[in-house]
């Protein structure tokens, strides 16, 4: 059976499902096809979710990059 080539760079827009080439610049977890779709999603609740996601990602990144050998300058 022949394989179907898939382009991994094409993700659906969170609002309209068209191919999306842009990501949310804060949380980078949501993709959009246009700034108009980004504005719609922002007003529909991504603003709140985005802050939570980016806070969790930042905290996880800081602590997971330490690997137990970090020195804290307090």
N, C-alpha and C. Protein backbone atom coordinates (compact mmCIF):
# COMPACT_ATOMS: atom_id res chain seq x y z
N UNK A 1 0.84 -1.17 0.00
CA UNK A 1 0.00 0.00 0.00
C UNK A 1 0.89 1.24 0.00
N UNK A 2 0.70 2.15 -0.94
CA UNK A 2 1.57 3.34 -0.99
C UNK A 2 1.29 4.28 0.18
N UNK A 3 2.34 4.88 0.65
CA UNK A 3 2.17 5.82 1.77
C UNK A 3 1.71 7.18 1.23
N UNK A 4 0.96 7.85 2.05
CA UNK A 4 0.47 9.18 1.69
C UNK A 4 1.40 10.20 2.31
N UNK A 5 2.03 11.03 1.48
CA UNK A 5 2.94 12.03 2.05
C UNK A 5 2.16 13.04 2.89
N UNK A 6 2.67 13.32 4.06
CA UNK A 6 2.02 14.30 4.93
C UNK A 6 3.00 15.41 5.23
N UNK A 7 2.52 16.61 5.09
CA UNK A 7 3.34 17.77 5.39
C UNK A 7 3.11 18.13 6.85
N UNK A 8 4.11 17.91 7.69
CA UNK A 8 3.94 18.14 9.13
C UNK A 8 3.92 19.62 9.49
N UNK A 9 4.18 20.49 8.52
CA UNK A 9 4.16 21.92 8.79
C UNK A 9 2.77 22.54 8.65
N UNK A 10 1.77 21.76 8.30
CA UNK A 10 0.43 22.30 8.15
C UNK A 10 -0.43 21.89 9.33
N UNK A 11 -0.84 22.86 10.09
CA UNK A 11 -1.70 22.66 11.23
C UNK A 11 -2.98 23.44 11.00
N UNK A 12 -4.10 22.97 11.53
CA UNK A 12 -5.35 23.70 11.32
C UNK A 12 -5.45 24.93 12.23
N UNK A 13 -6.09 25.94 11.71
CA UNK A 13 -6.37 27.15 12.49
C UNK A 13 -7.34 26.78 13.61
N UNK A 14 -7.11 27.30 14.80
CA UNK A 14 -7.95 27.02 15.96
C UNK A 14 -9.36 27.55 15.79
N UNK A 15 -9.57 28.49 14.88
CA UNK A 15 -10.87 29.12 14.71
C UNK A 15 -11.63 28.54 13.52
N UNK A 16 -10.98 28.49 12.35
CA UNK A 16 -11.69 28.13 11.12
C UNK A 16 -11.21 26.83 10.48
N UNK A 17 -10.17 26.23 11.01
CA UNK A 17 -9.60 24.96 10.52
C UNK A 17 -8.88 25.06 9.18
N UNK A 18 -8.69 26.26 8.65
CA UNK A 18 -7.86 26.42 7.46
C UNK A 18 -6.41 26.16 7.86
N UNK A 19 -5.54 25.88 6.88
CA UNK A 19 -4.12 25.70 7.23
C UNK A 19 -3.57 26.94 7.93
N UNK A 20 -2.90 26.71 9.04
CA UNK A 20 -2.42 27.83 9.86
C UNK A 20 -0.90 27.91 9.81
N UNK A 21 -0.39 29.10 9.61
CA UNK A 21 1.06 29.29 9.55
C UNK A 21 1.58 30.13 10.71
N UNK A 22 0.69 30.63 11.54
CA UNK A 22 1.10 31.49 12.66
C UNK A 22 0.74 30.83 13.98
N UNK A 23 1.58 31.08 15.01
CA UNK A 23 1.33 30.57 16.35
C UNK A 23 1.09 31.73 17.29
N UNK A 24 0.41 31.46 18.37
CA UNK A 24 0.30 32.45 19.44
C UNK A 24 1.71 32.74 19.92
N UNK A 25 2.09 33.99 19.96
CA UNK A 25 3.47 34.33 20.31
C UNK A 25 3.76 34.13 21.79
N UNK A 26 2.75 34.12 22.65
CA UNK A 26 2.98 33.93 24.08
C UNK A 26 3.10 32.45 24.44
N UNK A 27 2.05 31.66 24.17
CA UNK A 27 2.05 30.27 24.63
C UNK A 27 2.53 29.29 23.56
N UNK A 28 2.47 29.68 22.32
CA UNK A 28 2.91 28.86 21.19
C UNK A 28 2.18 27.53 21.07
N UNK A 29 1.00 27.43 21.70
CA UNK A 29 0.27 26.17 21.66
C UNK A 29 -0.93 26.21 20.73
N UNK A 30 -1.26 27.38 20.19
CA UNK A 30 -2.42 27.53 19.33
C UNK A 30 -1.96 28.15 18.02
N UNK A 31 -2.56 27.68 16.93
CA UNK A 31 -2.18 28.18 15.61
C UNK A 31 -3.35 28.86 14.93
N UNK A 32 -3.00 29.85 14.10
CA UNK A 32 -4.01 30.64 13.38
C UNK A 32 -3.60 30.83 11.93
N UNK A 33 -4.61 31.03 11.08
CA UNK A 33 -4.34 31.30 9.66
C UNK A 33 -4.23 32.80 9.40
N UNK A 34 -4.77 33.61 10.33
CA UNK A 34 -4.74 35.06 10.11
C UNK A 34 -4.83 35.79 11.45
N UNK A 35 -4.50 37.05 11.43
CA UNK A 35 -4.62 37.85 12.65
C UNK A 35 -6.09 38.05 13.01
N UNK A 36 -6.99 38.00 12.02
CA UNK A 36 -8.42 38.12 12.31
C UNK A 36 -8.89 36.93 13.15
N UNK A 37 -8.46 35.72 12.79
CA UNK A 37 -8.83 34.54 13.58
C UNK A 37 -8.19 34.60 14.97
N UNK A 38 -6.99 35.11 15.06
CA UNK A 38 -6.34 35.24 16.36
C UNK A 38 -7.13 36.18 17.26
N UNK A 39 -7.60 37.29 16.71
CA UNK A 39 -8.40 38.25 17.50
C UNK A 39 -9.71 37.61 17.97
N UNK A 40 -10.36 36.85 17.09
CA UNK A 40 -11.62 36.18 17.46
C UNK A 40 -11.37 35.22 18.63
N UNK A 41 -10.32 34.40 18.51
CA UNK A 41 -10.03 33.42 19.56
C UNK A 41 -9.61 34.10 20.86
N UNK A 42 -8.88 35.20 20.76
CA UNK A 42 -8.44 35.96 21.94
C UNK A 42 -9.66 36.45 22.72
N UNK A 43 -10.63 37.00 22.00
CA UNK A 43 -11.85 37.50 22.64
C UNK A 43 -12.74 36.38 23.16
N UNK A 44 -12.66 35.21 22.53
CA UNK A 44 -13.49 34.07 22.94
C UNK A 44 -12.88 33.27 24.09
N UNK A 45 -11.77 33.72 24.65
CA UNK A 45 -11.26 33.05 25.83
C UNK A 45 -9.80 32.62 25.81
N UNK A 46 -9.16 32.71 24.64
CA UNK A 46 -7.75 32.30 24.63
C UNK A 46 -6.90 33.21 25.51
N UNK A 47 -7.31 34.44 25.69
CA UNK A 47 -6.56 35.38 26.52
C UNK A 47 -6.32 34.81 27.91
N UNK A 48 -7.34 34.24 28.51
CA UNK A 48 -7.23 33.65 29.85
C UNK A 48 -6.43 32.36 29.82
N UNK A 49 -6.76 31.49 28.87
CA UNK A 49 -6.06 30.20 28.77
C UNK A 49 -4.58 30.40 28.46
N UNK A 50 -4.30 31.36 27.60
CA UNK A 50 -2.93 31.62 27.18
C UNK A 50 -2.04 31.98 28.36
N UNK A 51 -2.53 32.82 29.24
CA UNK A 51 -1.75 33.22 30.40
C UNK A 51 -1.45 32.01 31.27
N UNK A 52 -2.44 31.15 31.48
CA UNK A 52 -2.25 29.94 32.28
C UNK A 52 -1.23 29.00 31.63
N UNK A 53 -1.39 28.79 30.32
CA UNK A 53 -0.49 27.89 29.59
C UNK A 53 0.94 28.41 29.62
N UNK A 54 1.13 29.69 29.35
CA UNK A 54 2.49 30.24 29.31
C UNK A 54 3.14 30.22 30.69
N UNK A 55 2.37 30.40 31.74
CA UNK A 55 2.91 30.34 33.10
C UNK A 55 3.35 28.92 33.42
N UNK A 56 2.54 27.92 33.07
CA UNK A 56 2.89 26.52 33.31
C UNK A 56 4.12 26.13 32.50
N UNK A 57 4.18 26.54 31.26
CA UNK A 57 5.30 26.20 30.38
C UNK A 57 6.59 26.81 30.90
N UNK A 58 6.55 28.06 31.32
CA UNK A 58 7.73 28.74 31.83
C UNK A 58 8.23 28.06 33.09
N UNK A 59 7.35 27.75 34.01
CA UNK A 59 7.74 27.10 35.26
C UNK A 59 8.32 25.73 34.98
N UNK A 60 7.69 24.94 34.12
CA UNK A 60 8.18 23.61 33.79
C UNK A 60 9.55 23.69 33.13
N UNK A 61 9.74 24.63 32.21
CA UNK A 61 11.00 24.77 31.50
C UNK A 61 12.12 25.14 32.46
N UNK A 62 11.88 26.06 33.37
CA UNK A 62 12.90 26.48 34.32
C UNK A 62 13.34 25.32 35.19
N UNK A 63 12.39 24.57 35.73
CA UNK A 63 12.75 23.50 36.64
C UNK A 63 13.25 22.25 35.92
N UNK A 64 12.76 21.95 34.74
CA UNK A 64 13.21 20.75 34.05
C UNK A 64 14.60 20.94 33.44
N UNK A 65 15.00 22.18 33.18
CA UNK A 65 16.33 22.40 32.60
C UNK A 65 17.42 22.34 33.65
N UNK A 66 17.06 22.34 34.90
CA UNK A 66 18.03 22.33 35.99
C UNK A 66 18.73 20.99 36.13
N UNK A 67 18.02 19.88 36.05
CA UNK A 67 18.54 18.53 36.18
C UNK A 67 19.20 18.28 37.52
N UNK A 68 18.83 19.00 38.54
CA UNK A 68 19.35 18.74 39.88
C UNK A 68 20.72 19.31 40.16
N UNK A 69 21.34 19.98 39.21
CA UNK A 69 22.69 20.50 39.45
C UNK A 69 22.73 22.02 39.39
N UNK A 70 21.61 22.66 39.63
CA UNK A 70 21.57 24.12 39.58
C UNK A 70 21.98 24.72 40.91
N UNK A 71 22.54 25.88 40.82
CA UNK A 71 22.87 26.65 42.02
C UNK A 71 21.96 27.86 42.05
N UNK A 72 21.37 28.12 43.18
CA UNK A 72 20.45 29.23 43.31
C UNK A 72 21.18 30.39 43.96
N UNK A 73 21.17 31.52 43.30
CA UNK A 73 21.79 32.73 43.84
C UNK A 73 20.71 33.56 44.52
N UNK A 74 20.56 33.37 45.81
CA UNK A 74 19.53 34.09 46.56
C UNK A 74 20.12 35.19 47.38
